[in-house]
Amino acid sequence: MEERVYTINLRREILEKPRWERSKHAVRAVREFLKRHMKSDKIKIDNSITQAIWTRGATKPLNKIRIKAEKDDEGVVTARLFESSEES
């Protein structure tokens, strides 16, 4: 099992989109980032990432998000929100 922590800069992706669709495109940008960096087409995004992006509504998503991605033996990538309290 492969495990990585990424800080994704969403600001680059969302500034090009219409204001009312920015959070939706930010979630898509996370998925595309994981496809590119983890080299897998099977991506599962945890609900905690979606909730974190949508906390400020559809027009003002987070500029950066820190996630933890795990790739299992079948090539399925599971991503969830990284919290610093998990470090052990």
C-alpha atoms as a PDB file:
ATOM      1  CA  MET A   1       0.000   0.000   0.000  1.00  0.00           C
ATOM      2  CA  GLU A   2       1.343   3.376  -1.025  1.00  0.00           C
ATOM      3  CA  GLU A   3       0.539   6.430   1.099  1.00  0.00           C
ATOM      4  CA  ARG A   4       1.231  10.099   0.307  1.00  0.00           C
ATOM      5  CA  VAL A   5       0.307  13.520   1.647  1.00  0.00           C
ATOM      6  CA  TYR A   6      -0.322  16.325  -0.851  1.00  0.00           C
ATOM      7  CA  THR A   7      -1.032  20.032  -0.544  1.00  0.00           C
ATOM      8  CA  ILE A   8      -3.098  20.952  -3.589  1.00  0.00           C
ATOM      9  CA  ASN A   9      -3.238  24.537  -4.800  1.00  0.00           C
ATOM     10  CA  LEU A  10      -6.826  24.981  -5.999  1.00  0.00           C
ATOM     11  CA  ARG A  11      -6.589  28.703  -6.646  1.00  0.00           C
ATOM     12  CA  ARG A  12      -5.015  28.168 -10.079  1.00  0.00           C
ATOM     13  CA  GLU A  13      -7.901  25.962 -11.148  1.00  0.00           C
ATOM     14  CA  ILE A  14     -10.816  27.985  -9.829  1.00  0.00           C
ATOM     15  CA  LEU A  15      -9.877  31.481 -11.005  1.00  0.00           C
ATOM     16  CA  GLU A  16     -10.579  30.511 -14.611  1.00  0.00           C
ATOM     17  CA  LYS A  17     -14.116  29.296 -13.839  1.00  0.00           C
ATOM     18  CA  PRO A  18     -17.358  31.231 -13.386  1.00  0.00           C
ATOM     19  CA  ARG A  19     -17.859  32.381  -9.794  1.00  0.00           C
ATOM     20  CA  TRP A  20     -20.968  30.249  -9.137  1.00  0.00           C
ATOM     21  CA  GLU A  21     -19.252  27.016 -10.227  1.00  0.00           C
ATOM     22  CA  ARG A  22     -15.910  27.301  -8.450  1.00  0.00           C
ATOM     23  CA  SER A  23     -16.428  24.751  -5.664  1.00  0.00           C
ATOM     24  CA  LYS A  24     -17.712  22.170  -8.126  1.00  0.00           C
ATOM     25  CA  HIS A  25     -14.619  22.614 -10.272  1.00  0.00           C
ATOM     26  CA  ALA A  26     -12.355  22.511  -7.216  1.00  0.00           C
ATOM     27  CA  VAL A  27     -13.591  18.996  -6.396  1.00  0.00           C
ATOM     28  CA  ARG A  28     -12.948  17.973  -9.997  1.00  0.00           C
ATOM     29  CA  ALA A  29      -9.453  19.497  -9.798  1.00  0.00           C
ATOM     30  CA  VAL A  30      -8.672  17.316  -6.768  1.00  0.00           C
ATOM     31  CA  ARG A  31      -9.702  14.239  -8.725  1.00  0.00           C
ATOM     32  CA  GLU A  32      -7.581  15.238 -11.748  1.00  0.00           C
ATOM     33  CA  PHE A  33      -4.588  15.996  -9.503  1.00  0.00           C
ATOM     34  CA  LEU A  34      -4.810  12.535  -7.955  1.00  0.00           C
ATOM     35  CA  LYS A  35      -5.140  10.864 -11.355  1.00  0.00           C
ATOM     36  CA  ARG A  36      -1.991  12.595 -12.531  1.00  0.00           C
ATOM     37  CA  HIS A  37       0.150  12.109  -9.429  1.00  0.00           C
ATOM     38  CA  MET A  38      -0.965   8.662  -8.248  1.00  0.00           C
ATOM     39  CA  LYS A  39      -1.191   7.249 -11.804  1.00  0.00           C
ATOM     40  CA  SER A  40      -4.575   5.601 -11.454  1.00  0.00           C
ATOM     41  CA  ASP A  41      -8.021   6.121 -12.984  1.00  0.00           C
ATOM     42  CA  LYS A  42      -9.878   4.680  -9.991  1.00  0.00           C
ATOM     43  CA  ILE A  43     -10.206   7.561  -7.511  1.00  0.00           C
ATOM     44  CA  LYS A  44     -12.430   7.617  -4.414  1.00  0.00           C
ATOM     45  CA  ILE A  45     -12.726  10.997  -2.692  1.00  0.00           C
ATOM     46  CA  ASP A  46     -13.877  10.988   0.910  1.00  0.00           C
ATOM     47  CA  ASN A  47     -16.802  13.184   1.905  1.00  0.00           C
ATOM     48  CA  SER A  48     -14.550  15.172   4.267  1.00  0.00           C
ATOM     49  CA  ILE A  49     -12.694  16.689   1.290  1.00  0.00           C
ATOM     50  CA  THR A  50     -15.916  17.737  -0.390  1.00  0.00           C
ATOM     51  CA  GLN A  51     -17.270  19.261   2.816  1.00  0.00           C
ATOM     52  CA  ALA A  52     -14.042  21.179   3.416  1.00  0.00           C
ATOM     53  CA  ILE A  53     -14.126  22.676  -0.089  1.00  0.00           C
ATOM     54  CA  TRP A  54     -17.820  23.599   0.173  1.00  0.00           C
ATOM     55  CA  THR A  55     -17.640  25.139   3.700  1.00  0.00           C
ATOM     56  CA  ARG A  56     -17.647  28.675   2.302  1.00  0.00           C
ATOM     57  CA  GLY A  57     -20.226  27.986  -0.391  1.00  0.00           C
ATOM     58  CA  ALA A  58     -20.126  27.561  -4.143  1.00  0.00           C
ATOM     59  CA  THR A  59     -18.397  30.854  -4.932  1.00  0.00           C
ATOM     60  CA  LYS A  60     -15.473  30.894  -2.473  1.00  0.00           C
ATOM     61  CA  PRO A  61     -13.828  27.475  -2.110  1.00  0.00           C
ATOM     62  CA  LEU A  62     -10.577  26.935  -0.240  1.00  0.00           C
ATOM     63  CA  ASN A  63      -7.412  28.095  -1.994  1.00  0.00           C
ATOM     64  CA  LYS A  64      -5.330  25.170  -0.736  1.00  0.00           C
ATOM     65  CA  ILE A  65      -6.237  21.795   0.708  1.00  0.00           C
ATOM     66  CA  ARG A  66      -4.072  19.136   2.314  1.00  0.00           C
ATOM     67  CA  ILE A  67      -5.060  15.543   1.640  1.00  0.00           C
ATOM     68  CA  LYS A  68      -3.785  12.055   2.353  1.00  0.00           C
ATOM     69  CA  ALA A  69      -3.976   9.588  -0.542  1.00  0.00           C
ATOM     70  CA  GLU A  70      -3.608   5.824  -0.235  1.00  0.00           C
ATOM     71  CA  LYS A  71      -3.231   3.474  -3.183  1.00  0.00           C
ATOM     72  CA  ASP A  72      -4.031  -0.189  -2.604  1.00  0.00           C
ATOM     73  CA  ASP A  73      -2.802  -3.237  -4.518  1.00  0.00           C
ATOM     74  CA  GLU A  74      -5.636  -3.109  -7.081  1.00  0.00           C
ATOM     75  CA  GLY A  75      -4.773   0.487  -8.013  1.00  0.00           C
ATOM     76  CA  VAL A  76      -7.720   2.134  -6.257  1.00  0.00           C
ATOM     77  CA  VAL A  77      -6.781   5.497  -4.721  1.00  0.00           C
ATOM     78  CA  THR A  78      -8.681   6.593  -1.607  1.00  0.00           C
ATOM     79  CA  ALA A  79      -8.249  10.227  -0.595  1.00  0.00           C
ATOM     80  CA  ARG A  80      -9.269  11.871   2.663  1.00  0.00           C
ATOM     81  CA  LEU A  81      -8.614  15.116   4.457  1.00  0.00           C
ATOM     82  CA  PHE A  82      -5.252  15.237   6.215  1.00  0.00           C
ATOM     83  CA  GLU A  83      -5.323  16.310   9.835  1.00  0.00           C
ATOM     84  CA  SER A  84      -2.118  17.036  11.694  1.00  0.00           C
ATOM     85  CA  SER A  85      -3.438  15.261  14.816  1.00  0.00           C
ATOM     86  CA  GLU A  86      -3.180  11.930  12.945  1.00  0.00           C
ATOM     87  CA  GLU A  87       0.623  12.060  12.936  1.00  0.00           C
ATOM     88  CA  SER A  88       1.881   9.257  15.129  1.00  0.00           C
END
